[in-house]
Every structure is written in C-alpha cells, then in structure tokens.
C-alpha cells in the first residue's frame, strides 16, 4: 500500500453521499484524472441512501455499487463485539468502529471486481477512521494505492468543504447551521464537531435524531424480554426474529424511552482527546441484557476472565485491528465462554435507562435451595473447613507479623514511643504487653 501520488486509472471511493465524499468525486477527477466508482454499503443508515446512486452519477461517478450489508454487519461484527462485552473506555459501544472493517473489506472486493488500482476514503487526517480503513486495506489488499484527500487538499474544515461545494455547484445536505459530523447504522448514530467541540457545552436537544427528548418520553416504564442462544440475540418477547428485524424493533422501542445516549470525551488513536455523542438504543438494551445473562450462567472464573479481556477486545476494534490473529483468538475464547449463555432477560425501559429486572435460563447456575436463607439442603458445618483453608494465607501473614527472626515477639522501639496525649498514644494504650503489634485497622484517633 502507498499513499504517494501516482497515476491512477480507476479508483473506488467509499461513498456515503455526505459532504466529504460528495466533494471528493469531482476532486478526484480533477486532480487524478481517474475514473471514479462509488461504493456504498447499506449498514442500516436508512434515509441517507435515498437518491444516493443518482447523486453519485450526477457528480461524475462512472459506476455506483450499493450492497445491503445489514445482516453481515450485525451477525459478523456487532453481535461478536456484544458477546465479547466490548465497550471502549467504559461508554462507547463501538458502532462506527465496527462498521469500518466490513465496509473496507467490501470496498476491496469491489475494487478487484471492477479492476481498480486505487482505494479512496473520505476520513479526516485527525480522525480514527483513516486508520481503520487503511489497516483493513493493508491486511486485505496491500498492493492497491490509497488516496486520502483530507491529507492532500487544502480544505481544512467543514466550512471550507461547504465553500468548495458551493463553488463547484455540488449539491449537499449539510448547511452552516448544522455542522455536526454524523455516522449512522443499525447499531448507532454518532455526532461530532460543531458545538460539541466545546466540552463545557451541553448538546442541543435538536441534535438528537433517534432518542426521544425527556419531555417526550412515556410517563410509565415498559418492559421487553430478550432471548439469547449462546450469547446471540434471537428473540424479542418470545418471537424468534432475524438480526435486522430484532435490532430495528428494539431500536424503535428503546428510542421512545430515550435509552442509549452517551456523551463522552474519548481517547483517539492519533493521540488527542475528542468528544462524541452517541445514540445506541438497541445496543444498550442488548448489552445490559447479555451482561445480566452471563452473570446467571457463567462460572466466576469464566465471567472474570471475559471481563478482563473485554477492554482488550474493545481496544482492538476501536484501533481498526479487526483482521488480526489476536482479535480472532479473543473471539474464539468468547465463542467457548458463552456456550451456556442461553436464556431470557427482561429489561425495564424508563426515562433513558435500561435495567434488567428478571432473568431465566436452562443453563442457570443459580440454585434457590443453596442461595436462600433457608438452611435446608445445605450443611453449614462445611463452611468451617472452607474458611480455615481459604484463610491459611492470612494465618501465615499474621504469624510473620507476630514473630521476629528467633520466633519471639519483636520488642517495640523506645524511639517510636508516641508523645503523651497524642492520638498515637491513645492507640498505644489499647495495646496489650506481649500481644502482636497494633495493626492499622486497630488504631483510633
């Protein structure tokens, strides 16, 4: 892969129909003199796709390829991340990061199909997506040239991009009154830029596109029951559903209650902090439900190990390292770990919150006869031996603190004797001659 400018005959652009990729089509033809094929992946962005092919051709694209990738996006990318418990920096459910490796891989497929010698993306030089796209290109098609206009042209802001579009007569949907940079798919909708660049400013309510405003949400809570098979969501309220229908219905339901908003300052790959606001209604509900089911069905050591590996998986996805042996190895662990994660969890939706309130599973490790206060079926005398064995390290530590090298009580240093009337003196009064030195938890004052 190279980013040096060299003759290009045909380029495949990852085209969304937004401001950036709309101005890239004529820019490529002007500066590279190449044929431009626009590739668009339908990952559930909805209305953004209306009229997209006609707009691309009007801009000068020689061909437009649109693929419906909603099922593979959920099945092969979003759901595996969900099963891994992958959440970046504790808040971000990775909606944009998950779509990038899929789009990039199909862009490579398109380039080979049409005989292109270059791949083009519209990611900015400050963002994460440039890394995600180009790492996928390196993994899948290192022989193809990569063109990143934001690293070549003299456009440095969205205002500049709008001015360029106006000069060239390029129709775009963005206006100077709405300079948010958005990315949407079935899993989420992200908002960046504009007034969000001030971390002290609250997002305007008008910015949100999916989730209901606080004064528009139902006055009463609502519940939904999610069914899982091996950690994969397969049912809503007892009805078996495919991935797309399940997520669409859950998005509609959770959005009404304002569920799924996250406003955070995150650590970008390129070293800076940036602010993003995310709307992930269905993803938030599914994450809450699956985590609850895992606590019911996974033994402690497996649950703990999954929790330890989840941030590592999130980091890999965020960094665009999907096509790596480590990501595949972690996914293999998840596949085994969640074999027993089958069952149903009921989630209560209310005023922006999704909360698990009931759960059931044929693989449940919860036994009422053992967990209840009723001692029937449980011999409490067994606890004594367990406590003694479990506490052996504490006994050894206590003995080490009590005995000196010759096995006798170590004398207290006279120099360490506290002044009379001090708090330390009050603690010393509580000590008994010949007893172990006072521990920190014993001291008062």
Protein backbone atom coordinates (compact mmCIF):
# COMPACT_ATOMS: atom_id res chain seq x y z
CA UNK A 1 0.00 0.00 0.00
CA UNK A 2 1.25 3.50 -0.78
CA UNK A 3 -0.14 6.97 -0.27
CA UNK A 4 2.22 8.64 -2.74
CA UNK A 5 0.58 10.36 -5.67
CA UNK A 6 0.97 8.26 -8.80
CA UNK A 7 -1.06 7.74 -11.96
CA UNK A 8 -4.41 6.15 -11.20
CA UNK A 9 -6.74 4.77 -13.85
CA UNK A 10 -9.75 3.75 -11.78
CA UNK A 11 -10.47 4.40 -8.11
CA UNK A 12 -13.14 3.00 -5.81
CA UNK A 13 -14.43 5.55 -3.30
CA UNK A 14 -16.20 4.56 -0.08
CA UNK A 15 -19.17 6.83 -0.77
CA UNK A 16 -21.78 7.84 1.79
CA UNK A 17 -23.45 10.72 -0.01
CA UNK A 18 -22.42 13.14 2.73
CA UNK A 19 -20.47 16.36 2.40
CA UNK A 20 -16.98 14.89 2.39
CA UNK A 21 -17.45 12.09 -0.12
CA UNK A 22 -19.65 14.25 -2.35
CA UNK A 23 -16.88 16.76 -2.96
CA UNK A 24 -14.28 14.00 -3.33
CA UNK A 25 -15.82 12.64 -6.56
CA UNK A 26 -15.19 15.77 -8.68
CA UNK A 27 -11.93 16.43 -6.83
CA UNK A 28 -10.57 13.01 -7.84
CA UNK A 29 -11.50 13.55 -11.47
CA UNK A 30 -9.87 16.98 -11.44
CA UNK A 31 -6.64 16.11 -9.61
CA UNK A 32 -6.08 12.49 -10.59
CA UNK A 33 -7.92 12.41 -13.90
CA UNK A 34 -9.22 8.98 -12.98
CA UNK A 35 -12.48 7.13 -13.34
CA UNK A 36 -14.39 7.05 -10.04
CA UNK A 37 -16.52 4.12 -8.93
CA UNK A 38 -18.63 4.88 -5.85
CA UNK A 39 -19.09 2.00 -3.42
CA UNK A 40 -21.81 2.33 -0.79
CA UNK A 41 -22.50 -0.17 1.99
CA UNK A 42 -26.02 -0.27 3.39
CA UNK A 43 -25.42 -0.94 7.08
CA UNK A 44 -28.76 0.47 8.13
CA UNK A 45 -28.32 4.21 7.67
CA UNK A 46 -31.88 4.42 6.33
CA UNK A 47 -32.97 7.61 4.59
CA UNK A 48 -29.40 8.64 3.78
CA UNK A 49 -29.46 6.14 0.91
CA UNK A 50 -32.43 7.72 -0.87
CA UNK A 51 -31.35 9.09 -4.23
CA UNK A 52 -27.73 8.23 -3.49
CA UNK A 53 -26.99 6.49 -6.79
CA UNK A 54 -28.42 9.36 -8.84
CA UNK A 55 -26.43 11.91 -6.82
CA UNK A 56 -23.19 9.98 -7.31
CA UNK A 57 -23.67 9.73 -11.07
CA UNK A 58 -24.52 13.44 -11.25
CA UNK A 59 -21.19 14.16 -9.56
CA UNK A 60 -19.36 12.23 -12.27
CA UNK A 61 -19.11 8.67 -10.95
CA UNK A 62 -18.78 6.13 -13.75
CA UNK A 63 -20.47 3.43 -11.70
CA UNK A 64 -22.22 3.07 -8.36
CA UNK A 65 -22.28 -0.16 -6.36
CA UNK A 66 -24.68 -0.41 -3.41
CA UNK A 67 -24.68 -3.53 -1.21
CA UNK A 68 -27.11 -4.46 1.54
CA UNK A 69 -24.76 -5.48 4.37
CA UNK A 70 -27.17 -5.13 7.28
CA UNK A 71 -27.24 -8.84 8.14
CA UNK A 72 -23.47 -9.43 7.98
CA UNK A 73 -22.87 -6.18 9.86
CA UNK A 74 -24.94 -7.36 12.81
CA UNK A 75 -24.19 -11.07 12.60
CA UNK A 76 -20.44 -10.92 11.99
CA UNK A 77 -19.40 -7.63 13.61
CA UNK A 78 -21.86 -6.04 16.06
CA UNK A 79 -23.03 -9.26 17.72
CA UNK A 80 -19.49 -10.68 18.17
CA UNK A 81 -18.48 -7.43 19.88
CA UNK A 82 -21.62 -7.60 22.03
CA UNK A 83 -20.80 -11.17 23.05
CA UNK A 84 -17.27 -10.11 23.97
CA UNK A 85 -18.63 -7.33 26.20
CA UNK A 86 -16.54 -4.85 24.22
CA UNK A 87 -17.15 -1.26 25.36
CA UNK A 88 -14.48 1.36 24.68
CA UNK A 89 -13.41 3.36 27.75
CA UNK A 90 -16.49 2.15 29.58
CA UNK A 91 -19.03 4.06 27.47
CA UNK A 92 -18.72 3.69 23.70
CA UNK A 93 -20.42 0.65 22.14
CA UNK A 94 -18.25 0.97 19.00
CA UNK A 95 -20.95 1.49 16.37
CA UNK A 96 -18.73 3.34 13.88
CA UNK A 97 -15.61 1.28 14.56
CA UNK A 98 -17.50 -1.99 13.94
CA UNK A 99 -18.77 -0.93 10.53
CA UNK A 100 -15.39 0.15 9.14
CA UNK A 101 -13.71 -3.25 8.64
CA UNK A 102 -16.80 -4.60 6.88
CA UNK A 103 -17.08 -1.58 4.57
CA UNK A 104 -13.35 -1.63 3.83
CA UNK A 105 -13.37 -5.35 3.03
CA UNK A 106 -16.25 -4.97 0.58
CA UNK A 107 -14.61 -1.90 -0.93
CA UNK A 108 -11.58 -4.10 -1.67
CA UNK A 109 -13.90 -6.71 -3.19
CA UNK A 110 -15.45 -4.01 -5.39
CA UNK A 111 -12.02 -2.72 -6.47
CA UNK A 112 -10.99 -6.17 -7.61
CA UNK A 113 -14.29 -6.73 -9.37
CA UNK A 114 -14.03 -3.53 -11.43
CA UNK A 115 -10.26 -3.71 -11.93
CA UNK A 116 -9.45 -0.58 -9.92
CA UNK A 117 -5.92 0.30 -8.89
CA UNK A 118 -6.78 2.66 -6.02
CA UNK A 119 -8.95 2.84 -2.91
CA UNK A 120 -10.27 6.17 -1.62
CA UNK A 121 -11.83 7.18 1.69
CA UNK A 122 -13.16 10.49 2.99
CA UNK A 123 -11.78 10.28 6.53
CA UNK A 124 -10.16 13.35 8.05
CA UNK A 125 -6.48 13.50 8.93
CA UNK A 126 -7.27 13.87 12.63
CA UNK A 127 -9.74 11.03 12.98
CA UNK A 128 -9.74 7.34 13.81
CA UNK A 129 -11.46 6.17 10.65
CA UNK A 130 -8.47 6.85 8.39
CA UNK A 131 -6.53 4.32 10.47
CA UNK A 132 -9.36 1.78 10.47
CA UNK A 133 -9.87 1.88 6.72
CA UNK A 134 -6.20 1.77 5.87
CA UNK A 135 -5.33 -1.02 8.29
CA UNK A 136 -8.04 -3.10 6.64
CA UNK A 137 -6.62 -2.20 3.22
CA UNK A 138 -3.15 -3.25 4.40
CA UNK A 139 -4.48 -6.56 5.66
CA UNK A 140 -6.56 -7.35 2.58
CA UNK A 141 -5.05 -5.53 -0.42
CA UNK A 142 -1.58 -4.11 0.28
CA UNK A 143 -0.91 -3.83 -3.45
CA UNK A 144 -3.55 -1.14 -4.04
CA UNK A 145 -2.84 2.58 -3.87
CA UNK A 146 -4.68 4.51 -1.17
CA UNK A 147 -5.86 8.08 -1.72
CA UNK A 148 -6.84 10.12 1.34
CA UNK A 149 -7.96 13.56 0.07
CA UNK A 150 -8.10 15.10 3.55
CA UNK A 151 -4.32 14.57 3.74
CA UNK A 152 -3.73 16.10 0.32
CA UNK A 153 -6.04 19.02 -0.36
CA UNK A 154 -6.05 22.49 1.22
CA UNK A 155 -9.53 22.08 2.72
CA UNK A 156 -9.06 22.21 6.49
CA UNK A 157 -12.59 22.46 7.93
CA UNK A 158 -16.20 21.61 7.22
CA UNK A 159 -16.79 25.28 6.46
CA UNK A 160 -14.08 25.03 3.79
CA UNK A 161 -15.70 21.88 2.43
CA UNK A 162 -19.08 23.63 2.19
CA UNK A 163 -17.47 26.58 0.42
CA UNK A 164 -15.81 24.20 -2.06
CA UNK A 165 -19.16 22.52 -2.74
CA UNK A 166 -20.79 25.90 -3.36
CA UNK A 167 -18.03 26.99 -5.75
CA UNK A 168 -18.30 23.76 -7.72
CA UNK A 169 -22.10 23.65 -7.67
CA UNK A 170 -22.14 20.38 -5.75
CA UNK A 171 -25.49 19.77 -4.00
CA UNK A 172 -25.05 18.64 -0.38
CA UNK A 173 -27.45 18.20 2.52
CA UNK A 174 -25.27 19.89 5.16
CA UNK A 175 -25.65 23.57 5.97
CA UNK A 176 -23.64 26.03 8.03
CA UNK A 177 -26.41 25.88 10.62
CA UNK A 178 -25.83 22.14 11.10
CA UNK A 179 -22.13 21.35 11.03
CA UNK A 180 -22.33 18.13 13.02
CA UNK A 181 -20.42 15.23 11.55
CA UNK A 182 -22.68 12.19 11.81
CA UNK A 183 -22.31 8.49 11.15
CA UNK A 184 -25.29 6.17 11.33
CA UNK A 185 -26.03 2.48 11.03
CA UNK A 186 -28.35 -0.08 12.60
CA UNK A 187 -26.25 -0.14 15.76
CA UNK A 188 -25.94 3.57 16.46
CA UNK A 189 -25.81 7.19 15.38
CA UNK A 190 -22.79 9.31 16.27
CA UNK A 191 -22.48 13.09 16.47
CA UNK A 192 -19.20 15.03 16.42
CA UNK A 193 -17.95 18.51 15.65
CA UNK A 194 -19.83 21.79 15.67
CA UNK A 195 -20.85 22.93 19.17
CA UNK A 196 -19.69 19.59 20.61
CA UNK A 197 -16.10 20.76 20.25
CA UNK A 198 -16.69 22.77 23.42
CA UNK A 199 -16.68 20.14 26.20
CA UNK A 200 -18.32 22.60 28.62
CA UNK A 201 -21.42 22.96 26.44
CA UNK A 202 -24.39 20.60 26.70
CA UNK A 203 -25.51 19.07 23.41
CA UNK A 204 -28.58 20.83 21.99
CA UNK A 205 -31.65 18.64 22.18
CA UNK A 206 -32.26 19.32 18.49
CA UNK A 207 -29.07 17.40 17.68
CA UNK A 208 -30.52 14.01 18.65
CA UNK A 209 -32.12 12.08 15.81
CA UNK A 210 -33.02 8.70 17.35
CA UNK A 211 -33.81 9.04 21.04
CA UNK A 212 -36.78 10.92 22.47
CA UNK A 213 -36.29 14.10 24.48
CA UNK A 214 -37.02 13.85 28.22
CA UNK A 215 -40.36 15.65 27.87
CA UNK A 216 -41.43 13.35 25.03
CA UNK A 217 -40.83 10.03 26.78
CA UNK A 218 -43.62 7.81 28.17
CA UNK A 219 -44.67 8.55 31.73
CA UNK A 220 -44.63 4.86 32.67
CA UNK A 221 -41.93 2.20 32.30
CA UNK A 222 -42.14 -0.53 29.68
CA UNK A 223 -40.54 -3.96 29.63
CA UNK A 224 -39.13 -6.11 26.86
CA UNK A 225 -37.80 -9.66 27.11
CA UNK A 226 -34.74 -10.53 25.05
CA UNK A 227 -33.89 -14.15 24.26
CA UNK A 228 -30.32 -15.31 23.63
CA UNK A 229 -28.79 -18.51 22.25
CA UNK A 230 -25.10 -18.85 23.04
CA UNK A 231 -24.97 -15.11 23.68
CA UNK A 232 -26.55 -14.22 20.33
CA UNK A 233 -29.83 -12.26 20.43
CA UNK A 234 -32.55 -14.33 18.75
CA UNK A 235 -35.93 -13.38 20.30
CA UNK A 236 -37.99 -10.45 21.48
CA UNK A 237 -40.94 -11.13 23.77
CA UNK A 238 -40.99 -14.78 22.74
CA UNK A 239 -40.89 -14.16 18.97
CA UNK A 240 -37.94 -15.56 17.01
CA UNK A 241 -36.50 -12.79 14.83
CA UNK A 242 -33.64 -12.31 12.41
CA UNK A 243 -30.84 -9.88 13.38
CA UNK A 244 -32.11 -6.91 11.37
CA UNK A 245 -35.75 -7.12 12.46
CA UNK A 246 -34.76 -7.71 16.08
CA UNK A 247 -32.48 -4.66 16.21
CA UNK A 248 -34.92 -2.45 14.29
CA UNK A 249 -37.78 -3.28 16.68
CA UNK A 250 -35.61 -2.85 19.73
CA UNK A 251 -34.30 0.47 18.40
CA UNK A 252 -37.85 1.76 17.98
CA UNK A 253 -38.91 0.63 21.45
CA UNK A 254 -35.85 1.82 23.36
CA UNK A 255 -35.67 5.13 21.49
CA UNK A 256 -39.15 6.09 22.72
CA UNK A 257 -37.79 5.95 26.25
CA UNK A 258 -34.62 7.88 25.41
CA UNK A 259 -32.42 4.85 26.04
CA UNK A 260 -28.89 4.73 24.64
CA UNK A 261 -27.45 8.23 24.89
CA UNK A 262 -23.75 8.57 25.72
CA UNK A 263 -21.83 11.85 25.83
CA UNK A 264 -18.12 11.32 26.37
CA UNK A 265 -14.64 12.62 25.80
CA UNK A 266 -12.63 9.70 24.43
CA UNK A 267 -9.00 8.93 23.61
CA UNK A 268 -8.50 8.93 19.86
CA UNK A 269 -5.97 6.65 18.22
CA UNK A 270 -3.99 9.59 16.90
CA UNK A 271 -3.24 10.78 20.43
CA UNK A 272 -5.77 13.51 21.12
CA UNK A 273 -8.95 13.64 23.16
CA UNK A 274 -12.18 14.18 21.27
CA UNK A 275 -15.83 14.43 22.17
CA UNK A 276 -18.53 12.27 20.72
CA UNK A 277 -22.21 11.88 21.47
CA UNK A 278 -23.69 8.50 20.62
CA UNK A 279 -27.21 7.15 20.36
CA UNK A 280 -27.26 3.34 20.65
CA UNK A 281 -30.76 2.29 21.75
CA UNK A 282 -30.87 -1.40 20.81
CA UNK A 283 -27.18 -1.93 21.56
CA UNK A 284 -27.58 -0.51 25.06
CA UNK A 285 -30.51 -2.82 25.83
CA UNK A 286 -28.76 -5.87 24.40
CA UNK A 287 -25.58 -5.13 26.32
CA UNK A 288 -27.46 -4.79 29.61
CA UNK A 289 -29.42 -7.99 28.93
CA UNK A 290 -26.45 -10.13 27.90
CA UNK A 291 -24.26 -9.00 30.79
CA UNK A 292 -27.05 -9.97 33.16
CA UNK A 293 -27.46 -13.36 31.49
CA UNK A 294 -23.72 -14.00 31.70
CA UNK A 295 -23.79 -13.37 35.44
CA UNK A 296 -26.52 -16.01 35.70
CA UNK A 297 -24.92 -18.69 33.52
CA UNK A 298 -21.13 -18.30 33.60
CA UNK A 299 -18.96 -19.57 36.48
CA UNK A 300 -16.97 -16.93 38.33
CA UNK A 301 -13.58 -17.64 36.75
CA UNK A 302 -15.00 -17.53 33.22
CA UNK A 303 -17.02 -14.40 33.99
CA UNK A 304 -13.93 -12.71 35.44
CA UNK A 305 -11.68 -13.65 32.53
CA UNK A 306 -14.23 -12.41 29.99
CA UNK A 307 -14.45 -9.12 31.87
CA UNK A 308 -10.65 -8.81 31.84
CA UNK A 309 -10.44 -9.44 28.09
CA UNK A 310 -13.39 -7.23 27.12
CA UNK A 311 -11.41 -3.93 27.23
CA UNK A 312 -8.68 -5.53 25.12
CA UNK A 313 -11.23 -6.54 22.51
CA UNK A 314 -12.72 -3.03 22.60
CA UNK A 315 -9.28 -1.50 22.07
CA UNK A 316 -8.60 -3.76 19.07
CA UNK A 317 -11.92 -2.88 17.46
CA UNK A 318 -11.50 0.83 18.15
CA UNK A 319 -7.99 0.74 16.66
CA UNK A 320 -9.14 -0.94 13.45
CA UNK A 321 -7.32 -4.20 14.19
CA UNK A 322 -10.22 -6.45 13.26
CA UNK A 323 -8.27 -8.53 10.74
CA UNK A 324 -5.63 -9.71 13.20
CA UNK A 325 -4.81 -13.06 14.83
CA UNK A 326 -5.29 -11.56 18.30
CA UNK A 327 -8.84 -10.42 17.54
CA UNK A 328 -9.68 -13.84 16.14
CA UNK A 329 -8.13 -15.56 19.16
CA UNK A 330 -10.13 -13.44 21.58
CA UNK A 331 -13.28 -14.18 19.59
CA UNK A 332 -12.54 -17.90 19.82
CA UNK A 333 -12.38 -17.58 23.60
CA UNK A 334 -15.73 -15.75 23.62
CA UNK A 335 -17.32 -18.45 21.46
CA UNK A 336 -16.42 -21.09 24.05
CA UNK A 337 -17.08 -18.90 27.09
CA UNK A 338 -20.64 -18.09 26.02
CA UNK A 339 -21.76 -21.58 25.02
CA UNK A 340 -24.03 -21.65 28.09
CA UNK A 341 -25.30 -18.05 27.69
CA UNK A 342 -28.76 -19.14 26.61
CA UNK A 343 -31.91 -17.78 28.19
CA UNK A 344 -34.13 -14.73 28.52
CA UNK A 345 -33.71 -11.42 30.31
CA UNK A 346 -36.46 -8.89 30.92
CA UNK A 347 -35.38 -5.26 30.63
CA UNK A 348 -37.28 -2.30 32.05
CA UNK A 349 -37.10 0.86 29.92
CA UNK A 350 -37.79 4.18 31.59
CA UNK A 351 -36.52 7.75 31.31
CA UNK A 352 -33.32 6.97 29.46
CA UNK A 353 -32.44 3.88 31.48
CA UNK A 354 -32.41 0.18 30.58
CA UNK A 355 -32.37 -2.09 33.63
CA UNK A 356 -32.51 -5.87 33.90
CA UNK A 357 -35.33 -6.87 36.24
CA UNK A 358 -35.78 -10.62 35.62
CA UNK A 359 -33.87 -13.47 34.03
CA UNK A 360 -34.21 -17.20 33.33
CA UNK A 361 -32.02 -19.83 31.70
CA UNK A 362 -31.90 -23.61 31.30
CA UNK A 363 -28.16 -23.21 31.96
CA UNK A 364 -28.60 -21.16 35.13
CA UNK A 365 -26.03 -21.67 37.87
CA UNK A 366 -28.37 -20.08 40.41
CA UNK A 367 -29.84 -22.65 42.84
CA UNK A 368 -32.57 -21.31 45.12
CA UNK A 369 -32.02 -24.15 47.60
CA UNK A 370 -28.42 -23.01 48.07
CA UNK A 371 -28.88 -19.23 47.78
CA UNK A 372 -31.90 -18.81 50.09
CA UNK A 373 -31.68 -18.12 53.83
CA UNK A 374 -33.36 -21.47 54.39
CA UNK A 375 -30.62 -23.88 55.52
CA UNK A 376 -32.41 -26.93 54.12
CA UNK A 377 -30.21 -28.86 51.71
CA UNK A 378 -27.04 -27.15 52.92
CA UNK A 379 -24.74 -28.33 55.74
CA UNK A 380 -23.44 -25.15 57.36
CA UNK A 381 -20.73 -27.15 59.16
CA UNK A 382 -18.90 -27.50 55.83
CA UNK A 383 -18.25 -23.75 55.91
CA UNK A 384 -15.81 -24.09 58.83
CA UNK A 385 -13.33 -26.21 56.90
CA UNK A 386 -13.63 -23.97 53.85
CA UNK A 387 -12.95 -20.85 55.91
CA UNK A 388 -9.87 -22.41 57.54
CA UNK A 389 -8.39 -23.47 54.19
CA UNK A 390 -9.34 -20.23 52.45
CA UNK A 391 -7.80 -18.24 55.31
CA UNK A 392 -4.46 -20.10 55.51
CA UNK A 393 -2.55 -17.27 53.78
CA UNK A 394 -3.93 -14.82 56.36
CA UNK A 395 -2.77 -17.06 59.21
CA UNK A 396 0.73 -17.18 57.73
CA UNK A 397 0.80 -13.40 57.37
CA UNK A 398 -0.39 -12.93 60.94
CA UNK A 399 2.34 -15.26 62.25
CA UNK A 400 5.00 -13.46 60.25
CA UNK A 401 3.92 -10.16 61.73
CA UNK A 402 3.84 -11.56 65.29
CA UNK A 403 7.22 -13.31 65.36
CA UNK A 404 10.74 -11.99 64.93
CA UNK A 405 13.55 -13.97 63.34
CA UNK A 406 14.08 -16.02 66.52
CA UNK A 407 10.41 -16.80 66.87
CA UNK A 408 9.83 -14.39 69.78
CA UNK A 409 7.82 -11.23 69.99
CA UNK A 410 9.79 -8.39 68.44
CA UNK A 411 10.44 -5.61 71.01
CA UNK A 412 8.91 -2.23 70.36
CA UNK A 413 11.39 0.57 69.72
CA UNK A 414 11.57 3.10 72.51
CA UNK A 415 12.33 5.76 69.92
CA UNK A 416 8.97 5.06 68.38
CA UNK A 417 7.10 5.69 71.64
CA UNK A 418 4.49 8.38 70.90
CA UNK A 419 4.25 11.62 72.83
CA UNK A 420 1.79 11.63 75.69
CA UNK A 421 -1.65 12.83 74.83
CA UNK A 422 -1.27 12.25 71.09
CA UNK A 423 -3.64 10.18 69.03
CA UNK A 424 -0.89 7.61 68.61
CA UNK A 425 -0.55 7.50 72.42
CA UNK A 426 -4.25 6.76 72.72
CA UNK A 427 -3.80 3.88 70.32
CA UNK A 428 -0.75 2.61 72.28
CA UNK A 429 -2.82 2.46 75.46
CA UNK A 430 -5.06 -0.11 73.78
CA UNK A 431 -2.09 -2.44 73.16
CA UNK A 432 -1.55 -5.39 75.48
CA UNK A 433 2.04 -6.32 76.50
CA UNK A 434 3.16 -9.43 74.67
CA UNK A 435 0.45 -9.07 72.02
CA UNK A 436 1.21 -8.61 68.31
CA UNK A 437 2.00 -5.04 67.22
CA UNK A 438 -1.13 -2.95 66.69
CA UNK A 439 -2.44 -3.22 63.15
CA UNK A 440 -3.60 -0.17 61.18
CA UNK A 441 -7.24 -1.23 61.48
CA UNK A 442 -6.93 -1.24 65.29
CA UNK A 443 -5.81 2.36 65.62
CA UNK A 444 -8.22 5.06 66.70
CA UNK A 445 -7.89 8.82 66.51
